Structures are given as structure tokens and as C-alpha cells.
């Protein structure tokens, strides 16, 4: 939800993301919901990237 040109592939996201994206300017409450989902997506992206980097990619601890 934090990517540039999100409107090009918004249809591929889950329904709650589409709903939050479409109604983000309706009220302050809806904007807060959108920003909360955006923050959650950011943290999940950081977690999954670090998990992939440190747990899935092969590594060794010989030099440490």
C-alpha cells in the first residue's frame, strides 16, 4: 500500500486494502485506518525481507 503507482495494480490486493485505499479521503477516521494498514504493510514487508535474507538464503557462520 506504500508503492508508487499503486492505482495500476490495486485490483490485485485484498478487498480490505482496496476499501481502505478508496475511502481514505472520506473522513479522518478512514484516513487513520488507511495509514494504520499502510504501517502494518510496511512492517510486514520489513519482516518478510529480513526473514528471507537471514533464514532462507544460505549462509555460514565460519568467519564470525
C-alpha atoms as a PDB file:
ATOM      1  CA  UNK A   1       0.000   0.000   0.000  1.00  0.00           C
ATOM      2  CA  UNK A   2       3.020   2.247   0.034  1.00  0.00           C
ATOM      3  CA  UNK A   3       4.234   1.694  -3.512  1.00  0.00           C
ATOM      4  CA  UNK A   4       4.341   4.311  -6.259  1.00  0.00           C
ATOM      5  CA  UNK A   5       1.667   3.965  -8.943  1.00  0.00           C
ATOM      6  CA  UNK A   6      -0.471   1.811  -6.656  1.00  0.00           C
ATOM      7  CA  UNK A   7      -3.548   2.548  -8.747  1.00  0.00           C
ATOM      8  CA  UNK A   8      -2.139   0.364 -11.555  1.00  0.00           C
ATOM      9  CA  UNK A   9      -2.312  -2.851  -9.520  1.00  0.00           C
ATOM     10  CA  UNK A  10      -4.747  -2.044  -6.713  1.00  0.00           C
ATOM     11  CA  UNK A  11      -7.134  -4.709  -8.090  1.00  0.00           C
ATOM     12  CA  UNK A  12      -4.676  -7.454  -7.107  1.00  0.00           C
ATOM     13  CA  UNK A  13      -4.696  -6.514  -3.405  1.00  0.00           C
ATOM     14  CA  UNK A  14      -7.124  -7.955  -0.808  1.00  0.00           C
ATOM     15  CA  UNK A  15     -10.565  -6.366  -0.549  1.00  0.00           C
ATOM     16  CA  UNK A  16      -9.906  -4.625   2.773  1.00  0.00           C
ATOM     17  CA  UNK A  17      -6.889  -2.868   1.237  1.00  0.00           C
ATOM     18  CA  UNK A  18      -8.935  -1.738  -1.761  1.00  0.00           C
ATOM     19  CA  UNK A  19     -11.708  -0.466   0.501  1.00  0.00           C
ATOM     20  CA  UNK A  20      -9.255   1.433   2.711  1.00  0.00           C
ATOM     21  CA  UNK A  21      -7.491   2.882  -0.335  1.00  0.00           C
ATOM     22  CA  UNK A  22     -10.724   4.037  -1.972  1.00  0.00           C
ATOM     23  CA  UNK A  23     -12.199   5.598   1.174  1.00  0.00           C
ATOM     24  CA  UNK A  24      -9.040   7.133   2.636  1.00  0.00           C
ATOM     25  CA  UNK A  25     -10.176  10.712   1.940  1.00  0.00           C
ATOM     26  CA  UNK A  26     -13.768  10.308   3.191  1.00  0.00           C
ATOM     27  CA  UNK A  27     -13.079  11.204   6.818  1.00  0.00           C
ATOM     28  CA  UNK A  28     -10.316  11.443   9.364  1.00  0.00           C
ATOM     29  CA  UNK A  29     -11.232   8.024  10.756  1.00  0.00           C
ATOM     30  CA  UNK A  30     -10.944   6.400   7.329  1.00  0.00           C
ATOM     31  CA  UNK A  31      -7.606   8.111   6.740  1.00  0.00           C
ATOM     32  CA  UNK A  32      -6.318   6.809  10.082  1.00  0.00           C
ATOM     33  CA  UNK A  33      -7.435   3.293   9.115  1.00  0.00           C
ATOM     34  CA  UNK A  34      -5.607   3.621   5.806  1.00  0.00           C
ATOM     35  CA  UNK A  35      -2.417   4.845   7.493  1.00  0.00           C
ATOM     36  CA  UNK A  36      -2.606   2.007  10.043  1.00  0.00           C
ATOM     37  CA  UNK A  37      -2.880  -0.567   7.247  1.00  0.00           C
ATOM     38  CA  UNK A  38      -0.040   1.161   5.418  1.00  0.00           C
ATOM     39  CA  UNK A  39       2.153   0.963   8.529  1.00  0.00           C
ATOM     40  CA  UNK A  40       1.238  -2.685   9.055  1.00  0.00           C
ATOM     41  CA  UNK A  41       2.118  -3.472   5.433  1.00  0.00           C
ATOM     42  CA  UNK A  42       5.464  -1.718   5.853  1.00  0.00           C
ATOM     43  CA  UNK A  43       6.364  -3.705   8.975  1.00  0.00           C
ATOM     44  CA  UNK A  44       5.285  -6.970   7.368  1.00  0.00           C
ATOM     45  CA  UNK A  45       7.422  -6.162   4.324  1.00  0.00           C
ATOM     46  CA  UNK A  46      10.427  -5.443   6.521  1.00  0.00           C
ATOM     47  CA  UNK A  47       9.890  -8.643   8.485  1.00  0.00           C
ATOM     48  CA  UNK A  48       9.476 -10.837   5.418  1.00  0.00           C
ATOM     49  CA  UNK A  49      12.536  -9.332   3.730  1.00  0.00           C
ATOM     50  CA  UNK A  50      14.699  -9.896   6.797  1.00  0.00           C
ATOM     51  CA  UNK A  51      13.313 -13.394   7.242  1.00  0.00           C
ATOM     52  CA  UNK A  52      14.145 -14.194   3.637  1.00  0.00           C
ATOM     53  CA  UNK A  53      17.594 -12.676   3.923  1.00  0.00           C
ATOM     54  CA  UNK A  54      18.658 -14.320   7.191  1.00  0.00           C
ATOM     55  CA  UNK A  55      16.678 -17.567   7.346  1.00  0.00           C
ATOM     56  CA  UNK A  56      16.061 -18.737   3.796  1.00  0.00           C
ATOM     57  CA  UNK A  57      19.176 -17.597   1.938  1.00  0.00           C
ATOM     58  CA  UNK A  58      22.135 -19.912   2.525  1.00  0.00           C
ATOM     59  CA  UNK A  59      24.715 -18.543   4.934  1.00  0.00           C
ATOM     60  CA  UNK A  60      27.513 -19.806   7.114  1.00  0.00           C
ATOM     61  CA  UNK A  61      28.947 -18.646  10.390  1.00  0.00           C
ATOM     62  CA  UNK A  62      32.539 -19.731   9.851  1.00  0.00           C
ATOM     63  CA  UNK A  63      34.018 -16.220   9.718  1.00  0.00           C
ATOM     64  CA  UNK A  64      32.317 -14.817  12.795  1.00  0.00           C
END
